[in-house]
C-alpha atoms as a PDB file:
ATOM      1  CA  MET A   1       8.904  41.925 102.787  1.00  0.00           C
ATOM      2  CA  THR A   2       5.331  43.059 102.181  1.00  0.00           C
ATOM      3  CA  MET A   3       2.546  41.480 104.216  1.00  0.00           C
ATOM      4  CA  ILE A   4      -0.187  39.919 102.093  1.00  0.00           C
ATOM      5  CA  ARG A   5      -3.864  39.728 103.010  1.00  0.00           C
ATOM      6  CA  ALA A   6      -5.618  36.431 102.323  1.00  0.00           C
ATOM      7  CA  ASP A   7      -8.668  34.689 103.705  1.00  0.00           C
ATOM      8  CA  LEU A   8      -8.848  31.060 104.833  1.00  0.00           C
ATOM      9  CA  ASP A   9      -9.973  29.782 101.436  1.00  0.00           C
ATOM     10  CA  GLU A  10      -7.178  31.573  99.588  1.00  0.00           C
ATOM     11  CA  LEU A  11      -4.580  30.124 101.956  1.00  0.00           C
ATOM     12  CA  LEU A  12      -5.986  26.625 101.443  1.00  0.00           C
ATOM     13  CA  VAL A  13      -5.805  27.026  97.659  1.00  0.00           C
ATOM     14  CA  LEU A  14      -2.207  28.266  97.881  1.00  0.00           C
ATOM     15  CA  SER A  15      -1.243  25.313 100.063  1.00  0.00           C
ATOM     16  CA  ARG A  16      -2.598  22.942  97.401  1.00  0.00           C
ATOM     17  CA  LEU A  17      -0.971  24.806  94.507  1.00  0.00           C
ATOM     18  CA  PHE A  18       2.429  24.819  96.225  1.00  0.00           C
ATOM     19  CA  PRO A  19       2.652  21.583  98.248  1.00  0.00           C
ATOM     20  CA  ALA A  20       6.400  22.034  98.866  1.00  0.00           C
ATOM     21  CA  TRP A  21       5.764  25.112 100.991  1.00  0.00           C
ATOM     22  CA  THR A  22       5.774  24.685 104.752  1.00  0.00           C
ATOM     23  CA  TRP A  23       3.287  26.764 106.697  1.00  0.00           C
ATOM     24  CA  ALA A  24       3.656  28.175 110.214  1.00  0.00           C
ATOM     25  CA  ALA A  25       1.521  30.397 112.421  1.00  0.00           C
ATOM     26  CA  LEU A  26       2.979  33.173 114.556  1.00  0.00           C
ATOM     27  CA  PRO A  27      -0.048  34.078 116.718  1.00  0.00           C
ATOM     28  CA  ASP A  28       1.826  36.673 118.769  1.00  0.00           C
ATOM     29  CA  ARG A  29       2.474  38.619 115.538  1.00  0.00           C
ATOM     30  CA  ASN A  30      -0.836  37.689 113.795  1.00  0.00           C
ATOM     31  CA  VAL A  31       1.053  36.214 110.845  1.00  0.00           C
ATOM     32  CA  ILE A  32       0.968  33.002 108.839  1.00  0.00           C
ATOM     33  CA  VAL A  33       4.212  32.313 107.001  1.00  0.00           C
ATOM     34  CA  ALA A  34       4.806  30.231 103.886  1.00  0.00           C
ATOM     35  CA  ALA A  35       8.358  28.943 103.674  1.00  0.00           C
ATOM     36  CA  ASP A  36      10.378  26.904 101.218  1.00  0.00           C
ATOM     37  CA  ALA A  37      13.157  24.563 102.304  1.00  0.00           C
ATOM     38  CA  ASP A  38      15.624  26.231  99.913  1.00  0.00           C
ATOM     39  CA  ALA A  39      14.734  29.910 100.123  1.00  0.00           C
ATOM     40  CA  GLY A  40      13.445  30.253 103.685  1.00  0.00           C
ATOM     41  CA  VAL A  41      10.471  32.557 104.212  1.00  0.00           C
ATOM     42  CA  LEU A  42       8.682  33.182 100.938  1.00  0.00           C
ATOM     43  CA  ARG A  43       5.548  35.044 101.933  1.00  0.00           C
ATOM     44  CA  PRO A  44       4.128  36.426 105.158  1.00  0.00           C
ATOM     45  CA  TYR A  45       0.323  36.664 105.325  1.00  0.00           C
ATOM     46  CA  TRP A  46      -1.749  38.598 107.821  1.00  0.00           C
ATOM     47  CA  MET A  47      -3.572  36.025 109.901  1.00  0.00           C
ATOM     48  CA  PRO A  48      -7.332  36.048 109.201  1.00  0.00           C
ATOM     49  CA  ALA A  49      -9.338  37.499 112.102  1.00  0.00           C
ATOM     50  CA  LEU A  50     -10.929  34.159 112.987  1.00  0.00           C
ATOM     51  CA  LEU A  51      -7.506  32.659 113.659  1.00  0.00           C
ATOM     52  CA  CYS A  52      -6.310  35.677 115.632  1.00  0.00           C
ATOM     53  CA  MET A  53      -9.039  35.043 118.175  1.00  0.00           C
ATOM     54  CA  ASP A  54      -8.212  31.356 118.761  1.00  0.00           C
ATOM     55  CA  THR A  55      -4.619  30.065 118.797  1.00  0.00           C
ATOM     56  CA  HIS A  56      -5.810  26.439 118.975  1.00  0.00           C
ATOM     57  CA  LEU A  57      -7.813  26.941 115.787  1.00  0.00           C
ATOM     58  CA  ALA A  58      -4.789  28.613 114.170  1.00  0.00           C
ATOM     59  CA  ALA A  59      -2.632  25.583 114.988  1.00  0.00           C
ATOM     60  CA  LYS A  60      -5.243  23.206 113.549  1.00  0.00           C
ATOM     61  CA  PHE A  61      -5.510  25.325 110.398  1.00  0.00           C
ATOM     62  CA  VAL A  62      -1.731  25.264 109.865  1.00  0.00           C
ATOM     63  CA  LEU A  63      -1.790  21.463 110.202  1.00  0.00           C
ATOM     64  CA  GLN A  64      -4.432  21.422 107.467  1.00  0.00           C
ATOM     65  CA  LEU A  65      -2.293  23.703 105.267  1.00  0.00           C
ATOM     66  CA  ASN A  66       0.688  21.368 105.663  1.00  0.00           C
ATOM     67  CA  SER A  67      -1.254  18.179 104.925  1.00  0.00           C
ATOM     68  CA  GLU A  68      -1.204  16.793 101.423  1.00  0.00           C
END
């Protein structure tokens, strides 16, 4: 699977366009993953640099991605 680059705003837009996706952060691999309940992992995104520096901020951002 190809890693996709996206900034924070693009990830927020994607989370609103596809509300069924579940988001997760993998800080040890610098990845944010979008998953679907049926298909599993749909898209891996390189974690934006701001989130790589702060795992607490990454966790808060993922909560925001998963909120409706």
